Amino acid sequence: MAAITSLNALVEALRDGVAVNKVLIGRSGRDPRVAAVIELCRQRGVVFQFVPSEALQRKAGGRNQGIWAEVSPVAFRPLDEVLAAARSGLLLVLDGIEDTGNLGAMVRTAAAVEADGVLVSVRGSAPVTDVAWKTSAGALGKVPLAQSRNLARDLEKLKAAGFWVVAADQRAGSDFRDFDFRGRTAVILGNEGRGVSPLLKKNADQLLAIPHSPAVESLNVSAAAAVILFEAYRQKKNFKKQ
């Protein structure tokens, strides 16, 4: 089971119908958002309980906002189901993302750009923990997630569904701003240290780089995802206006 210790993330999870099993609320909590949590729990029939601060501390640890919620693991959907429901024509593919904070941040960005889903490799990826919930600010319940046991094989499935597959690679010669994102596009972001695996880069239709000052070696992977995805979002929105 995963847990949520962020008030904002819990409010979003309850609003989005995430499977919350129970909520513990510190008796000394005075944050006005607690009232919203209680009301949403009542509306959804979620069990909640007021507990002493010491008990909450033992359960949630030092970093909590006066609440602790137990949630069922994220329900990963079959990739075929995600593709069948695709509307925006934008998918995020994560290859071996190990940091839960980066995972949560990228899922939040994917939700913000109305991505059809996020495909996460099973091998070498961060688990969906409280850190991921908190960083995503509840967005884990807003965008479909699918797991892949073989990303190379699933990339072929994406191509068969009409997606053009691009991979972020700082050594690539193509500037991401010059790419036409208006069609169906799957964007691959790779491991924090190793980047996108050689096999996936080989199978990608195009490699894209983000130009930046040579004073910085590289962008954080979640920052790179935000830069590329928002450019894709901008292009798609402008195309629809025409």
C-alpha atoms as a PDB file:
ATOM      1  CA  MET A   1       0.000   0.000   0.000  1.00  0.00           C
ATOM      2  CA  ALA A   2       1.081   3.573  -0.659  1.00  0.00           C
ATOM      3  CA  ALA A   3       0.455   6.472   1.691  1.00  0.00           C
ATOM      4  CA  ILE A   4      -0.285  10.177   1.308  1.00  0.00           C
ATOM      5  CA  THR A   5       0.923  12.708   3.879  1.00  0.00           C
ATOM      6  CA  SER A   6       0.302  15.871   1.849  1.00  0.00           C
ATOM      7  CA  LEU A   7      -3.011  17.683   2.334  1.00  0.00           C
ATOM      8  CA  ASN A   8      -3.181  19.012  -1.231  1.00  0.00           C
ATOM      9  CA  ALA A   9      -2.396  15.594  -2.685  1.00  0.00           C
ATOM     10  CA  LEU A  10      -5.028  13.945  -0.486  1.00  0.00           C
ATOM     11  CA  VAL A  11      -7.725  16.460  -1.451  1.00  0.00           C
ATOM     12  CA  GLU A  12      -6.961  15.862  -5.139  1.00  0.00           C
ATOM     13  CA  ALA A  13      -6.923  12.079  -4.677  1.00  0.00           C
ATOM     14  CA  LEU A  14     -10.325  12.130  -2.945  1.00  0.00           C
ATOM     15  CA  ARG A  15     -11.804  14.392  -5.609  1.00  0.00           C
ATOM     16  CA  ASP A  16     -10.502  12.157  -8.390  1.00  0.00           C
ATOM     17  CA  GLY A  17     -11.929   8.971  -6.921  1.00  0.00           C
ATOM     18  CA  VAL A  18      -8.605   7.363  -5.993  1.00  0.00           C
ATOM     19  CA  ALA A  19      -9.081   4.273  -3.809  1.00  0.00           C
ATOM     20  CA  VAL A  20      -8.366   5.736  -0.351  1.00  0.00           C
ATOM     21  CA  ASN A  21      -8.777   3.066   2.329  1.00  0.00           C
ATOM     22  CA  LYS A  22      -8.573   5.172   5.491  1.00  0.00           C
ATOM     23  CA  VAL A  23      -7.424   8.565   6.739  1.00  0.00           C
ATOM     24  CA  LEU A  24      -5.806   9.462  10.058  1.00  0.00           C
ATOM     25  CA  ILE A  25      -6.055  13.101  11.138  1.00  0.00           C
ATOM     26  CA  GLY A  26      -3.956  14.658  13.903  1.00  0.00           C
ATOM     27  CA  ARG A  27      -6.096  16.127  16.666  1.00  0.00           C
ATOM     28  CA  SER A  28      -3.908  19.223  16.841  1.00  0.00           C
ATOM     29  CA  GLY A  29      -4.224  19.949  13.116  1.00  0.00           C
ATOM     30  CA  ARG A  30      -5.668  23.382  12.384  1.00  0.00           C
ATOM     31  CA  ASP A  31      -5.070  23.649   8.663  1.00  0.00           C
ATOM     32  CA  PRO A  32      -8.323  24.733   6.945  1.00  0.00           C
ATOM     33  CA  ARG A  33      -7.744  22.075   4.277  1.00  0.00           C
ATOM     34  CA  VAL A  34      -8.490  19.419   6.903  1.00  0.00           C
ATOM     35  CA  ALA A  35     -12.175  20.433   6.729  1.00  0.00           C
ATOM     36  CA  ALA A  36     -12.141  19.725   2.986  1.00  0.00           C
ATOM     37  CA  VAL A  37     -10.601  16.304   3.628  1.00  0.00           C
ATOM     38  CA  ILE A  38     -13.287  15.449   6.185  1.00  0.00           C
ATOM     39  CA  GLU A  39     -16.110  16.556   3.887  1.00  0.00           C
ATOM     40  CA  LEU A  40     -14.718  14.566   0.941  1.00  0.00           C
ATOM     41  CA  CYS A  41     -14.271  11.487   3.156  1.00  0.00           C
ATOM     42  CA  ARG A  42     -17.910  11.744   4.210  1.00  0.00           C
ATOM     43  CA  GLN A  43     -19.071  12.147   0.617  1.00  0.00           C
ATOM     44  CA  ARG A  44     -17.115   9.112  -0.535  1.00  0.00           C
ATOM     45  CA  GLY A  45     -17.660   6.942   2.534  1.00  0.00           C
ATOM     46  CA  VAL A  46     -13.970   6.841   3.398  1.00  0.00           C
ATOM     47  CA  VAL A  47     -13.179   5.929   7.006  1.00  0.00           C
ATOM     48  CA  PHE A  48     -11.364   8.715   8.875  1.00  0.00           C
ATOM     49  CA  GLN A  49     -10.181   8.921  12.445  1.00  0.00           C
ATOM     50  CA  PHE A  50      -8.761  11.608  14.713  1.00  0.00           C
ATOM     51  CA  VAL A  51      -5.597  10.463  16.487  1.00  0.00           C
ATOM     52  CA  PRO A  52      -3.077  12.048  18.867  1.00  0.00           C
ATOM     53  CA  SER A  53      -0.155  13.802  17.213  1.00  0.00           C
ATOM     54  CA  GLU A  54       2.208  11.190  18.631  1.00  0.00           C
ATOM     55  CA  ALA A  55       0.303   8.365  16.951  1.00  0.00           C
ATOM     56  CA  LEU A  56       0.271  10.249  13.650  1.00  0.00           C
ATOM     57  CA  GLN A  57       3.991  10.886  13.962  1.00  0.00           C
ATOM     58  CA  ARG A  58       4.656   7.181  14.418  1.00  0.00           C
ATOM     59  CA  LYS A  59       2.578   6.329  11.373  1.00  0.00           C
ATOM     60  CA  ALA A  60       3.537   9.121   8.997  1.00  0.00           C
ATOM     61  CA  GLY A  61       7.017  10.056  10.165  1.00  0.00           C
ATOM     62  CA  GLY A  62       8.403  13.553  10.636  1.00  0.00           C
ATOM     63  CA  ARG A  63       7.311  14.922   7.279  1.00  0.00           C
ATOM     64  CA  ASN A  64       3.552  15.123   7.338  1.00  0.00           C
ATOM     65  CA  GLN A  65       0.914  17.843   7.283  1.00  0.00           C
ATOM     66  CA  GLY A  66      -1.247  16.519  10.073  1.00  0.00           C
ATOM     67  CA  ILE A  67      -2.741  13.681   8.055  1.00  0.00           C
ATOM     68  CA  TRP A  68      -1.900  10.196   6.868  1.00  0.00           C
ATOM     69  CA  ALA A  69      -3.932   8.296   4.280  1.00  0.00           C
ATOM     70  CA  GLU A  70      -3.580   4.734   3.093  1.00  0.00           C
ATOM     71  CA  VAL A  71      -4.295   4.340  -0.601  1.00  0.00           C
ATOM     72  CA  SER A  72      -4.432   1.308  -2.818  1.00  0.00           C
ATOM     73  CA  PRO A  73      -1.566   0.968  -5.265  1.00  0.00           C
ATOM     74  CA  VAL A  74      -2.097   2.906  -8.483  1.00  0.00           C
ATOM     75  CA  ALA A  75      -4.179   0.862 -10.894  1.00  0.00           C
ATOM     76  CA  PHE A  76      -2.004   0.546 -13.991  1.00  0.00           C
ATOM     77  CA  ARG A  77      -4.098   0.184 -17.129  1.00  0.00           C
ATOM     78  CA  PRO A  78      -3.303  -2.039 -20.107  1.00  0.00           C
ATOM     79  CA  LEU A  79      -1.496  -0.096 -22.822  1.00  0.00           C
ATOM     80  CA  ASP A  80      -4.126  -1.153 -25.368  1.00  0.00           C
ATOM     81  CA  GLU A  81      -6.801   0.452 -23.186  1.00  0.00           C
ATOM     82  CA  VAL A  82      -4.816   3.692 -22.934  1.00  0.00           C
ATOM     83  CA  LEU A  83      -4.327   3.790 -26.703  1.00  0.00           C
ATOM     84  CA  ALA A  84      -7.986   3.063 -27.378  1.00  0.00           C
ATOM     85  CA  ALA A  85      -8.969   6.080 -25.258  1.00  0.00           C
ATOM     86  CA  ALA A  86      -6.287   8.408 -26.692  1.00  0.00           C
ATOM     87  CA  ARG A  87      -7.554  11.888 -27.547  1.00  0.00           C
ATOM     88  CA  SER A  88      -4.702  14.402 -27.414  1.00  0.00           C
ATOM     89  CA  GLY A  89      -2.197  12.246 -29.291  1.00  0.00           C
ATOM     90  CA  LEU A  90       0.543  12.781 -26.709  1.00  0.00           C
ATOM     91  CA  LEU A  91       2.126  10.048 -24.577  1.00  0.00           C
ATOM     92  CA  LEU A  92       5.005  10.135 -22.107  1.00  0.00           C
ATOM     93  CA  VAL A  93       7.288   7.097 -21.925  1.00  0.00           C
ATOM     94  CA  LEU A  94       9.590   6.756 -18.901  1.00  0.00           C
ATOM     95  CA  ASP A  95      12.630   4.528 -19.231  1.00  0.00           C
ATOM     96  CA  GLY A  96      14.099   3.540 -15.851  1.00  0.00           C
ATOM     97  CA  ILE A  97      13.231   6.648 -13.809  1.00  0.00           C
ATOM     98  CA  GLU A  98      14.593   5.818 -10.353  1.00  0.00           C
ATOM     99  CA  ASP A  99      13.728   8.915  -8.329  1.00  0.00           C
ATOM    100  CA  THR A 100      10.177   8.970  -6.958  1.00  0.00           C
ATOM    101  CA  GLY A 101      10.191  12.774  -6.896  1.00  0.00           C
ATOM    102  CA  ASN A 102      11.016  12.904 -10.606  1.00  0.00           C
ATOM    103  CA  LEU A 103       8.325  10.319 -11.310  1.00  0.00           C
ATOM    104  CA  GLY A 104       5.677  12.364  -9.509  1.00  0.00           C
ATOM    105  CA  ALA A 105       6.767  15.622 -11.141  1.00  0.00           C
ATOM    106  CA  MET A 106       6.629  14.142 -14.638  1.00  0.00           C
ATOM    107  CA  VAL A 107       3.208  12.590 -14.081  1.00  0.00           C
ATOM    108  CA  ARG A 108       1.988  16.003 -12.917  1.00  0.00           C
ATOM    109  CA  THR A 109       3.369  17.612 -16.091  1.00  0.00           C
ATOM    110  CA  ALA A 110       1.735  14.907 -18.204  1.00  0.00           C
ATOM    111  CA  ALA A 111      -1.605  15.708 -16.581  1.00  0.00           C
ATOM    112  CA  ALA A 112      -1.068  19.438 -17.129  1.00  0.00           C
ATOM    113  CA  VAL A 113      -0.542  18.986 -20.885  1.00  0.00           C
ATOM    114  CA  GLU A 114      -3.536  16.635 -21.214  1.00  0.00           C
ATOM    115  CA  ALA A 115      -1.380  13.653 -22.161  1.00  0.00           C
ATOM    116  CA  ASP A 116      -3.250  10.475 -23.000  1.00  0.00           C
ATOM    117  CA  GLY A 117      -1.117   8.497 -20.572  1.00  0.00           C
ATOM    118  CA  VAL A 118       2.269   7.672 -19.088  1.00  0.00           C
ATOM    119  CA  LEU A 119       4.007   4.390 -19.935  1.00  0.00           C
ATOM    120  CA  VAL A 120       6.447   3.338 -17.202  1.00  0.00           C
ATOM    121  CA  SER A 121       9.046   0.600 -17.534  1.00  0.00           C
ATOM    122  CA  VAL A 122       8.760  -2.048 -14.823  1.00  0.00           C
ATOM    123  CA  ARG A 123      12.465  -2.758 -14.642  1.00  0.00           C
ATOM    124  CA  GLY A 124      14.586  -0.222 -12.776  1.00  0.00           C
ATOM    125  CA  SER A 125      11.765   2.256 -12.143  1.00  0.00           C
ATOM    126  CA  ALA A 126      10.814   4.038  -8.941  1.00  0.00           C
ATOM    127  CA  PRO A 127       7.836   2.650  -7.016  1.00  0.00           C
ATOM    128  CA  VAL A 128       4.722   4.768  -6.572  1.00  0.00           C
ATOM    129  CA  THR A 129       5.326   5.966  -2.997  1.00  0.00           C
ATOM    130  CA  ASP A 130       4.169   8.865  -0.852  1.00  0.00           C
ATOM    131  CA  VAL A 131       6.951  11.007  -2.336  1.00  0.00           C
ATOM    132  CA  ALA A 132       5.564  10.411  -5.822  1.00  0.00           C
ATOM    133  CA  TRP A 133       2.049  11.248  -4.623  1.00  0.00           C
ATOM    134  CA  LYS A 134       3.231  14.435  -2.932  1.00  0.00           C
ATOM    135  CA  THR A 135       5.360  15.601  -5.866  1.00  0.00           C
ATOM    136  CA  SER A 136       2.549  14.954  -8.312  1.00  0.00           C
ATOM    137  CA  ALA A 137       0.139  16.880  -6.019  1.00  0.00           C
ATOM    138  CA  GLY A 138      -2.527  14.293  -6.694  1.00  0.00           C
ATOM    139  CA  ALA A 139      -1.964  14.112 -10.462  1.00  0.00           C
ATOM    140  CA  LEU A 140      -1.332  10.358 -10.239  1.00  0.00           C
ATOM    141  CA  GLY A 141      -5.101  10.066 -10.243  1.00  0.00           C
ATOM    142  CA  LYS A 142      -5.573  12.383 -13.239  1.00  0.00           C
ATOM    143  CA  VAL A 143      -3.629  10.672 -16.029  1.00  0.00           C
ATOM    144  CA  PRO A 144      -3.733   6.989 -17.047  1.00  0.00           C
ATOM    145  CA  LEU A 145      -0.621   4.993 -16.171  1.00  0.00           C
ATOM    146  CA  ALA A 146       0.502   1.821 -17.929  1.00  0.00           C
ATOM    147  CA  GLN A 147       3.402  -0.472 -17.081  1.00  0.00           C
ATOM    148  CA  SER A 148       5.709  -2.003 -19.642  1.00  0.00           C
ATOM    149  CA  ARG A 149       7.754  -5.165 -19.236  1.00  0.00           C
ATOM    150  CA  ASN A 150       9.336  -4.632 -22.634  1.00  0.00           C
ATOM    151  CA  LEU A 151       9.523  -1.014 -23.782  1.00  0.00           C
ATOM    152  CA  ALA A 152      11.123  -1.878 -27.119  1.00  0.00           C
ATOM    153  CA  ARG A 153       8.178  -4.114 -27.978  1.00  0.00           C
ATOM    154  CA  ASP A 154       5.660  -1.549 -26.742  1.00  0.00           C
ATOM    155  CA  LEU A 155       7.255   1.155 -28.875  1.00  0.00           C
ATOM    156  CA  GLU A 156       6.363  -0.943 -31.906  1.00  0.00           C
ATOM    157  CA  LYS A 157       2.794  -1.075 -30.597  1.00  0.00           C
ATOM    158  CA  LEU A 158       2.778   2.723 -30.339  1.00  0.00           C
ATOM    159  CA  LYS A 159       4.059   3.060 -33.887  1.00  0.00           C
ATOM    160  CA  ALA A 160       1.369   0.681 -35.128  1.00  0.00           C
ATOM    161  CA  ALA A 161      -1.186   2.946 -33.434  1.00  0.00           C
ATOM    162  CA  GLY A 162       0.109   5.904 -35.441  1.00  0.00           C
ATOM    163  CA  PHE A 163       2.482   7.461 -32.884  1.00  0.00           C
ATOM    164  CA  TRP A 164       5.793   9.003 -33.932  1.00  0.00           C
ATOM    165  CA  VAL A 165       8.321   8.030 -31.239  1.00  0.00           C
ATOM    166  CA  VAL A 166      10.909  10.617 -30.158  1.00  0.00           C
ATOM    167  CA  ALA A 167      13.571  10.318 -27.463  1.00  0.00           C
ATOM    168  CA  ALA A 168      15.314  13.051 -25.507  1.00  0.00           C
ATOM    169  CA  ASP A 169      19.085  12.933 -26.091  1.00  0.00           C
ATOM    170  CA  GLN A 170      21.387  15.875 -25.469  1.00  0.00           C
ATOM    171  CA  ARG A 171      23.841  14.618 -28.086  1.00  0.00           C
ATOM    172  CA  ALA A 172      21.199  14.655 -30.800  1.00  0.00           C
ATOM    173  CA  GLY A 173      21.552  17.114 -33.650  1.00  0.00           C
ATOM    174  CA  SER A 174      17.855  18.001 -33.799  1.00  0.00           C
ATOM    175  CA  ASP A 175      16.460  20.874 -31.731  1.00  0.00           C
ATOM    176  CA  PHE A 176      13.186  19.822 -30.073  1.00  0.00           C
ATOM    177  CA  ARG A 177      11.669  23.203 -31.022  1.00  0.00           C
ATOM    178  CA  ASP A 178      11.967  22.325 -34.695  1.00  0.00           C
ATOM    179  CA  PHE A 179      10.003  19.100 -34.338  1.00  0.00           C
ATOM    180  CA  ASP A 180       6.358  18.951 -35.438  1.00  0.00           C
ATOM    181  CA  PHE A 181       4.413  17.659 -32.430  1.00  0.00           C
ATOM    182  CA  ARG A 182       1.000  18.191 -33.995  1.00  0.00           C
ATOM    183  CA  GLY A 183       0.613  14.537 -34.938  1.00  0.00           C
ATOM    184  CA  ARG A 184       0.472  11.603 -32.532  1.00  0.00           C
ATOM    185  CA  THR A 185       3.715  11.674 -30.567  1.00  0.00           C
ATOM    186  CA  ALA A 186       5.248   9.521 -27.818  1.00  0.00           C
ATOM    187  CA  VAL A 187       8.090  11.231 -25.926  1.00  0.00           C
ATOM    188  CA  ILE A 188      10.699   9.051 -24.187  1.00  0.00           C
ATOM    189  CA  LEU A 189      12.638  10.371 -21.178  1.00  0.00           C
ATOM    190  CA  GLY A 190      15.410   8.235 -19.732  1.00  0.00           C
ATOM    191  CA  ASN A 191      17.173   7.336 -16.522  1.00  0.00           C
ATOM    192  CA  GLU A 192      18.580  10.238 -14.478  1.00  0.00           C
ATOM    193  CA  GLY A 193      22.173   9.109 -14.992  1.00  0.00           C
ATOM    194  CA  ARG A 194      22.213   6.984 -18.148  1.00  0.00           C
ATOM    195  CA  GLY A 195      19.496   8.681 -20.163  1.00  0.00           C
ATOM    196  CA  VAL A 196      17.387   6.755 -22.661  1.00  0.00           C
ATOM    197  CA  SER A 197      18.753   3.240 -23.236  1.00  0.00           C
ATOM    198  CA  PRO A 198      20.686   2.631 -26.495  1.00  0.00           C
ATOM    199  CA  LEU A 199      18.078   0.111 -27.700  1.00  0.00           C
ATOM    200  CA  LEU A 200      15.210   2.569 -27.302  1.00  0.00           C
ATOM    201  CA  LYS A 201      17.184   5.357 -28.981  1.00  0.00           C
ATOM    202  CA  LYS A 202      17.851   3.000 -31.862  1.00  0.00           C
ATOM    203  CA  ASN A 203      14.142   2.174 -32.124  1.00  0.00           C
ATOM    204  CA  ALA A 204      13.000   5.801 -31.828  1.00  0.00           C
ATOM    205  CA  ASP A 205      11.939   7.628 -34.972  1.00  0.00           C
ATOM    206  CA  GLN A 206      13.918  10.725 -33.951  1.00  0.00           C
ATOM    207  CA  LEU A 207      16.236  11.982 -31.206  1.00  0.00           C
ATOM    208  CA  LEU A 208      15.680  15.496 -29.846  1.00  0.00           C
ATOM    209  CA  ALA A 209      17.957  17.783 -27.849  1.00  0.00           C
ATOM    210  CA  ILE A 210      17.159  20.776 -25.625  1.00  0.00           C
ATOM    211  CA  PRO A 211      19.638  23.628 -26.272  1.00  0.00           C
ATOM    212  CA  HIS A 212      20.959  25.264 -23.110  1.00  0.00           C
ATOM    213  CA  SER A 213      23.982  27.069 -21.736  1.00  0.00           C
ATOM    214  CA  PRO A 214      27.219  25.040 -21.755  1.00  0.00           C
ATOM    215  CA  ALA A 215      27.671  26.175 -18.143  1.00  0.00           C
ATOM    216  CA  VAL A 216      25.145  23.481 -17.223  1.00  0.00           C
ATOM    217  CA  GLU A 217      25.914  19.874 -18.110  1.00  0.00           C
ATOM    218  CA  SER A 218      22.290  18.768 -18.379  1.00  0.00           C
ATOM    219  CA  LEU A 219      18.772  19.449 -17.174  1.00  0.00           C
ATOM    220  CA  ASN A 220      17.049  17.442 -14.491  1.00  0.00           C
ATOM    221  CA  VAL A 221      14.939  14.796 -16.232  1.00  0.00           C
ATOM    222  CA  SER A 222      11.667  16.184 -14.878  1.00  0.00           C
ATOM    223  CA  ALA A 223      12.633  19.669 -16.094  1.00  0.00           C
ATOM    224  CA  ALA A 224      13.487  18.258 -19.528  1.00  0.00           C
ATOM    225  CA  ALA A 225      10.126  16.496 -19.653  1.00  0.00           C
ATOM    226  CA  ALA A 226       8.324  19.741 -18.815  1.00  0.00           C
ATOM    227  CA  VAL A 227      10.171  21.697 -21.518  1.00  0.00           C
ATOM    228  CA  ILE A 228       9.424  19.167 -24.262  1.00  0.00           C
ATOM    229  CA  LEU A 229       5.852  18.345 -23.255  1.00  0.00           C
ATOM    230  CA  PHE A 230       4.772  21.966 -22.972  1.00  0.00           C
ATOM    231  CA  GLU A 231       6.179  22.678 -26.439  1.00  0.00           C
ATOM    232  CA  ALA A 232       4.140  19.750 -27.748  1.00  0.00           C
ATOM    233  CA  TYR A 233       1.085  21.074 -25.899  1.00  0.00           C
ATOM    234  CA  ARG A 234       1.598  24.581 -27.336  1.00  0.00           C
ATOM    235  CA  GLN A 235       1.837  23.274 -30.885  1.00  0.00           C
ATOM    236  CA  LYS A 236      -1.236  21.062 -30.535  1.00  0.00           C
ATOM    237  CA  LYS A 237      -3.332  23.883 -29.046  1.00  0.00           C
ATOM    238  CA  ASN A 238      -2.281  26.379 -31.729  1.00  0.00           C
ATOM    239  CA  PHE A 239      -3.022  23.839 -34.457  1.00  0.00           C
ATOM    240  CA  LYS A 240      -6.563  23.322 -33.133  1.00  0.00           C
ATOM    241  CA  LYS A 241      -7.183  27.086 -33.186  1.00  0.00           C
ATOM    242  CA  GLN A 242      -6.408  27.305 -36.910  1.00  0.00           C
END
